[in-house]
Amino acid sequence: MSKEKPTVKVTLVKSPIGALPKHKLCLKGLGLRRMHQSVEVEDNPAVRGMISKISYMLAVD
């Protein structure tokens, strides 16, 4: 019995140029490198915290 972990699709829509260094590290932690790149990440409190910190740069589905 394997349970699928819930995921969140995150897309980078604003350039990280000029963003705070900690915000750039959040992008790296989420696995985002390029503009308009989308990744599916596991939905857990740590990821939710990173998403909320840099929500101005992301589109979340």
PDB file of N, CA and C in Angstrom:
ATOM      1  N   MET A   1       0.828  -1.180   0.000  1.00  0.00           N
ATOM      2  CA  MET A   1       0.000   0.000   0.000  1.00  0.00           C
ATOM      3  C   MET A   1       0.871   1.241   0.000  1.00  0.00           C
ATOM      4  N   SER A   2       0.987   1.907  -1.127  1.00  0.00           N
ATOM      5  CA  SER A   2       1.783   3.134  -1.172  1.00  0.00           C
ATOM      6  C   SER A   2       0.849   4.333  -1.256  1.00  0.00           C
ATOM      7  N   LYS A   3       1.061   5.257  -0.354  1.00  0.00           N
ATOM      8  CA  LYS A   3       0.252   6.469  -0.358  1.00  0.00           C
ATOM      9  C   LYS A   3       0.972   7.531  -1.165  1.00  0.00           C
ATOM     10  N   GLU A   4       0.232   8.185  -2.047  1.00  0.00           N
ATOM     11  CA  GLU A   4       0.818   9.290  -2.790  1.00  0.00           C
ATOM     12  C   GLU A   4       0.843  10.512  -1.896  1.00  0.00           C
ATOM     13  N   LYS A   5       1.981  11.141  -1.831  1.00  0.00           N
ATOM     14  CA  LYS A   5       2.091  12.355  -1.030  1.00  0.00           C
ATOM     15  C   LYS A   5       1.520  13.519  -1.828  1.00  0.00           C
ATOM     16  N   PRO A   6       0.782  14.406  -1.187  1.00  0.00           N
ATOM     17  CA  PRO A   6       0.227  15.554  -1.904  1.00  0.00           C
ATOM     18  C   PRO A   6       1.344  16.474  -2.391  1.00  0.00           C
ATOM     19  N   THR A   7       1.159  17.025  -3.575  1.00  0.00           N
ATOM     20  CA  THR A   7       2.163  17.918  -4.144  1.00  0.00           C
ATOM     21  C   THR A   7       1.546  19.261  -4.495  1.00  0.00           C
ATOM     22  N   VAL A   8       2.415  20.234  -4.690  1.00  0.00           N
ATOM     23  CA  VAL A   8       2.022  21.587  -5.080  1.00  0.00           C
ATOM     24  C   VAL A   8       2.848  21.950  -6.298  1.00  0.00           C
ATOM     25  N   LYS A   9       2.205  22.499  -7.326  1.00  0.00           N
ATOM     26  CA  LYS A   9       2.931  22.945  -8.512  1.00  0.00           C
ATOM     27  C   LYS A   9       3.257  24.425  -8.343  1.00  0.00           C
ATOM     28  N   VAL A  10       4.546  24.757  -8.463  1.00  0.00           N
ATOM     29  CA  VAL A  10       5.025  26.119  -8.245  1.00  0.00           C
ATOM     30  C   VAL A  10       5.747  26.589  -9.498  1.00  0.00           C
ATOM     31  N   THR A  11       5.457  27.821  -9.940  1.00  0.00           N
ATOM     32  CA  THR A  11       6.077  28.392 -11.134  1.00  0.00           C
ATOM     33  C   THR A  11       6.719  29.725 -10.780  1.00  0.00           C
ATOM     34  N   LEU A  12       7.941  29.942 -11.242  1.00  0.00           N
ATOM     35  CA  LEU A  12       8.638  31.209 -11.020  1.00  0.00           C
ATOM     36  C   LEU A  12       8.173  32.214 -12.065  1.00  0.00           C
ATOM     37  N   VAL A  13       7.541  33.302 -11.633  1.00  0.00           N
ATOM     38  CA  VAL A  13       6.987  34.283 -12.579  1.00  0.00           C
ATOM     39  C   VAL A  13       7.663  35.647 -12.482  1.00  0.00           C
ATOM     40  N   LYS A  14       8.481  35.874 -11.470  1.00  0.00           N
ATOM     41  CA  LYS A  14       9.188  37.148 -11.335  1.00  0.00           C
ATOM     42  C   LYS A  14      10.665  36.851 -11.144  1.00  0.00           C
ATOM     43  N   SER A  15      11.504  37.655 -11.757  1.00  0.00           N
ATOM     44  CA  SER A  15      12.941  37.436 -11.698  1.00  0.00           C
ATOM     45  C   SER A  15      13.481  37.628 -10.281  1.00  0.00           C
ATOM     46  N   PRO A  16      14.396  36.758  -9.859  1.00  0.00           N
ATOM     47  CA  PRO A  16      14.999  36.908  -8.537  1.00  0.00           C
ATOM     48  C   PRO A  16      16.124  37.945  -8.501  1.00  0.00           C
ATOM     49  N   ILE A  17      16.389  38.625  -9.622  1.00  0.00           N
ATOM     50  CA  ILE A  17      17.417  39.666  -9.625  1.00  0.00           C
ATOM     51  C   ILE A  17      16.973  40.769  -8.668  1.00  0.00           C
ATOM     52  N   GLY A  18      17.822  41.101  -7.734  1.00  0.00           N
ATOM     53  CA  GLY A  18      17.505  42.137  -6.758  1.00  0.00           C
ATOM     54  C   GLY A  18      16.770  41.621  -5.531  1.00  0.00           C
ATOM     55  N   ALA A  19      16.441  40.341  -5.506  1.00  0.00           N
ATOM     56  CA  ALA A  19      15.756  39.763  -4.347  1.00  0.00           C
ATOM     57  C   ALA A  19      16.759  39.572  -3.209  1.00  0.00           C
ATOM     58  N   LEU A  20      16.248  39.449  -2.005  1.00  0.00           N
ATOM     59  CA  LEU A  20      17.101  39.221  -0.840  1.00  0.00           C
ATOM     60  C   LEU A  20      17.803  37.867  -0.955  1.00  0.00           C
ATOM     61  N   PRO A  21      19.013  37.765  -0.430  1.00  0.00           N
ATOM     62  CA  PRO A  21      19.741  36.484  -0.512  1.00  0.00           C
ATOM     63  C   PRO A  21      18.978  35.310   0.082  1.00  0.00           C
ATOM     64  N   LYS A  22      18.252  35.512   1.192  1.00  0.00           N
ATOM     65  CA  LYS A  22      17.474  34.416   1.779  1.00  0.00           C
ATOM     66  C   LYS A  22      16.349  33.989   0.854  1.00  0.00           C
ATOM     67  N   HIS A  23      15.796  34.918   0.094  1.00  0.00           N
ATOM     68  CA  HIS A  23      14.732  34.580  -0.841  1.00  0.00           C
ATOM     69  C   HIS A  23      15.294  33.765  -2.005  1.00  0.00           C
ATOM     70  N   LYS A  24      16.498  34.094  -2.439  1.00  0.00           N
ATOM     71  CA  LYS A  24      17.138  33.311  -3.500  1.00  0.00           C
ATOM     72  C   LYS A  24      17.412  31.884  -3.026  1.00  0.00           C
ATOM     73  N   LEU A  25      17.754  31.744  -1.741  1.00  0.00           N
ATOM     74  CA  LEU A  25      17.986  30.406  -1.194  1.00  0.00           C
ATOM     75  C   LEU A  25      16.685  29.602  -1.142  1.00  0.00           C
ATOM     76  N   CYS A  26      15.570  30.269  -0.890  1.00  0.00           N
ATOM     77  CA  CYS A  26      14.273  29.582  -0.913  1.00  0.00           C
ATOM     78  C   CYS A  26      13.984  29.062  -2.313  1.00  0.00           C
ATOM     79  N   LEU A  27      14.297  29.862  -3.334  1.00  0.00           N
ATOM     80  CA  LEU A  27      14.103  29.403  -4.712  1.00  0.00           C
ATOM     81  C   LEU A  27      14.946  28.167  -4.985  1.00  0.00           C
ATOM     82  N   LYS A  28      16.193  28.197  -4.542  1.00  0.00           N
ATOM     83  CA  LYS A  28      17.085  27.060  -4.743  1.00  0.00           C
ATOM     84  C   LYS A  28      16.544  25.823  -4.027  1.00  0.00           C
ATOM     85  N   GLY A  29      16.017  26.027  -2.827  1.00  0.00           N
ATOM     86  CA  GLY A  29      15.452  24.916  -2.057  1.00  0.00           C
ATOM     87  C   GLY A  29      14.229  24.305  -2.724  1.00  0.00           C
ATOM     88  N   LEU A  30      13.467  25.136  -3.426  1.00  0.00           N
ATOM     89  CA  LEU A  30      12.298  24.633  -4.148  1.00  0.00           C
ATOM     90  C   LEU A  30      12.678  23.999  -5.484  1.00  0.00           C
ATOM     91  N   GLY A  31      13.913  24.230  -5.936  1.00  0.00           N
ATOM     92  CA  GLY A  31      14.367  23.647  -7.194  1.00  0.00           C
ATOM     93  C   GLY A  31      14.076  24.509  -8.404  1.00  0.00           C
ATOM     94  N   LEU A  32      13.845  25.797  -8.184  1.00  0.00           N
ATOM     95  CA  LEU A  32      13.553  26.710  -9.295  1.00  0.00           C
ATOM     96  C   LEU A  32      14.821  27.446  -9.710  1.00  0.00           C
ATOM     97  N   ARG A  33      15.081  27.458 -11.012  1.00  0.00           N
ATOM     98  CA  ARG A  33      16.283  28.109 -11.521  1.00  0.00           C
ATOM     99  C   ARG A  33      15.981  29.167 -12.560  1.00  0.00           C
ATOM    100  N   ARG A  34      15.012  28.930 -13.420  1.00  0.00           N
ATOM    101  CA  ARG A  34      14.734  29.829 -14.546  1.00  0.00           C
ATOM    102  C   ARG A  34      13.336  30.410 -14.462  1.00  0.00           C
ATOM    103  N   MET A  35      13.153  31.536 -15.130  1.00  0.00           N
ATOM    104  CA  MET A  35      11.833  32.146 -15.233  1.00  0.00           C
ATOM    105  C   MET A  35      10.884  31.178 -15.934  1.00  0.00           C
ATOM    106  N   HIS A  36       9.655  31.132 -15.489  1.00  0.00           N
ATOM    107  CA  HIS A  36       8.580  30.312 -16.058  1.00  0.00           C
ATOM    108  C   HIS A  36       8.846  28.821 -15.942  1.00  0.00           C
ATOM    109  N   GLN A  37       9.795  28.439 -15.098  1.00  0.00           N
ATOM    110  CA  GLN A  37      10.028  27.026 -14.818  1.00  0.00           C
ATOM    111  C   GLN A  37       9.023  26.581 -13.755  1.00  0.00           C
ATOM    112  N   SER A  38       8.463  25.407 -13.932  1.00  0.00           N
ATOM    113  CA  SER A  38       7.516  24.853 -12.971  1.00  0.00           C
ATOM    114  C   SER A  38       8.087  23.586 -12.355  1.00  0.00           C
ATOM    115  N   VAL A  39       7.835  23.407 -11.070  1.00  0.00           N
ATOM    116  CA  VAL A  39       8.231  22.180 -10.380  1.00  0.00           C
ATOM    117  C   VAL A  39       7.082  21.737  -9.496  1.00  0.00           C
ATOM    118  N   GLU A  40       7.006  20.431  -9.268  1.00  0.00           N
ATOM    119  CA  GLU A  40       6.036  19.890  -8.313  1.00  0.00           C
ATOM    120  C   GLU A  40       6.811  19.499  -7.076  1.00  0.00           C
ATOM    121  N   VAL A  41       6.450  20.101  -5.960  1.00  0.00           N
ATOM    122  CA  VAL A  41       7.131  19.845  -4.697  1.00  0.00           C
ATOM    123  C   VAL A  41       6.148  19.242  -3.705  1.00  0.00           C
ATOM    124  N   GLU A  42       6.689  18.499  -2.755  1.00  0.00           N
ATOM    125  CA  GLU A  42       5.872  17.863  -1.726  1.00  0.00           C
ATOM    126  C   GLU A  42       5.194  18.941  -0.873  1.00  0.00           C
ATOM    127  N   ASP A  43       3.956  18.699  -0.526  1.00  0.00           N
ATOM    128  CA  ASP A  43       3.196  19.667   0.266  1.00  0.00           C
ATOM    129  C   ASP A  43       3.398  19.373   1.749  1.00  0.00           C
ATOM    130  N   ASN A  44       4.343  20.095   2.373  1.00  0.00           N
ATOM    131  CA  ASN A  44       4.579  19.947   3.806  1.00  0.00           C
ATOM    132  C   ASN A  44       4.830  21.329   4.407  1.00  0.00           C
ATOM    133  N   PRO A  45       4.860  21.453   5.711  1.00  0.00           N
ATOM    134  CA  PRO A  45       5.008  22.776   6.334  1.00  0.00           C
ATOM    135  C   PRO A  45       6.283  23.526   5.935  1.00  0.00           C
ATOM    136  N   ALA A  46       7.382  22.813   5.736  1.00  0.00           N
ATOM    137  CA  ALA A  46       8.635  23.473   5.362  1.00  0.00           C
ATOM    138  C   ALA A  46       8.508  24.118   3.982  1.00  0.00           C
ATOM    139  N   VAL A  47       7.940  23.390   3.049  1.00  0.00           N
ATOM    140  CA  VAL A  47       7.755  23.914   1.697  1.00  0.00           C
ATOM    141  C   VAL A  47       6.744  25.049   1.702  1.00  0.00           C
ATOM    142  N   ARG A  48       5.685  24.902   2.477  1.00  0.00           N
ATOM    143  CA  ARG A  48       4.685  25.975   2.589  1.00  0.00           C
ATOM    144  C   ARG A  48       5.322  27.267   3.102  1.00  0.00           C
ATOM    145  N   GLY A  49       6.253  27.138   4.045  1.00  0.00           N
ATOM    146  CA  GLY A  49       6.943  28.308   4.579  1.00  0.00           C
ATOM    147  C   GLY A  49       7.791  28.997   3.528  1.00  0.00           C
ATOM    148  N   MET A  50       8.499  28.209   2.708  1.00  0.00           N
ATOM    149  CA  MET A  50       9.312  28.794   1.635  1.00  0.00           C
ATOM    150  C   MET A  50       8.428  29.488   0.617  1.00  0.00           C
ATOM    151  N   ILE A  51       7.304  28.850   0.288  1.00  0.00           N
ATOM    152  CA  ILE A  51       6.382  29.435  -0.690  1.00  0.00           C
ATOM    153  C   ILE A  51       5.808  30.745  -0.164  1.00  0.00           C
ATOM    154  N   SER A  52       5.441  30.785   1.099  1.00  0.00           N
ATOM    155  CA  SER A  52       4.857  32.013   1.642  1.00  0.00           C
ATOM    156  C   SER A  52       5.883  33.131   1.736  1.00  0.00           C
ATOM    157  N   LYS A  53       7.146  32.790   1.961  1.00  0.00           N
ATOM    158  CA  LYS A  53       8.198  33.806   2.062  1.00  0.00           C
ATOM    159  C   LYS A  53       8.457  34.488   0.718  1.00  0.00           C
ATOM    160  N   ILE A  54       8.348  33.729  -0.376  1.00  0.00           N
ATOM    161  CA  ILE A  54       8.642  34.305  -1.704  1.00  0.00           C
ATOM    162  C   ILE A  54       7.410  34.280  -2.598  1.00  0.00           C
ATOM    163  N   SER A  55       6.243  34.420  -2.006  1.00  0.00           N
ATOM    164  CA  SER A  55       4.993  34.339  -2.776  1.00  0.00           C
ATOM    165  C   SER A  55       4.895  35.416  -3.851  1.00  0.00           C
ATOM    166  N   TYR A  56       5.589  36.537  -3.666  1.00  0.00           N
ATOM    167  CA  TYR A  56       5.541  37.612  -4.658  1.00  0.00           C
ATOM    168  C   TYR A  56       6.252  37.237  -5.956  1.00  0.00           C
ATOM    169  N   MET A  57       7.054  36.181  -5.937  1.00  0.00           N
ATOM    170  CA  MET A  57       7.766  35.722  -7.142  1.00  0.00           C
ATOM    171  C   MET A  57       7.150  34.492  -7.775  1.00  0.00           C
ATOM    172  N   LEU A  58       6.152  33.895  -7.132  1.00  0.00           N
ATOM    173  CA  LEU A  58       5.648  32.590  -7.552  1.00  0.00           C
ATOM    174  C   LEU A  58       4.188  32.621  -7.973  1.00  0.00           C
ATOM    175  N   ALA A  59       3.827  31.633  -8.777  1.00  0.00           N
ATOM    176  CA  ALA A  59       2.433  31.291  -9.043  1.00  0.00           C
ATOM    177  C   ALA A  59       2.270  29.864  -8.543  1.00  0.00           C
ATOM    178  N   VAL A  60       1.261  29.652  -7.700  1.00  0.00           N
ATOM    179  CA  VAL A  60       1.060  28.339  -7.074  1.00  0.00           C
ATOM    180  C   VAL A  60      -0.240  27.732  -7.586  1.00  0.00           C
ATOM    181  N   ASP A  61      -0.161  26.474  -8.000  1.00  0.00           N
ATOM    182  CA  ASP A  61      -1.342  25.736  -8.469  1.00  0.00           C
ATOM    183  C   ASP A  61      -1.599  24.557  -7.543  1.00  0.00           C
TER     184      ASP A  61
END
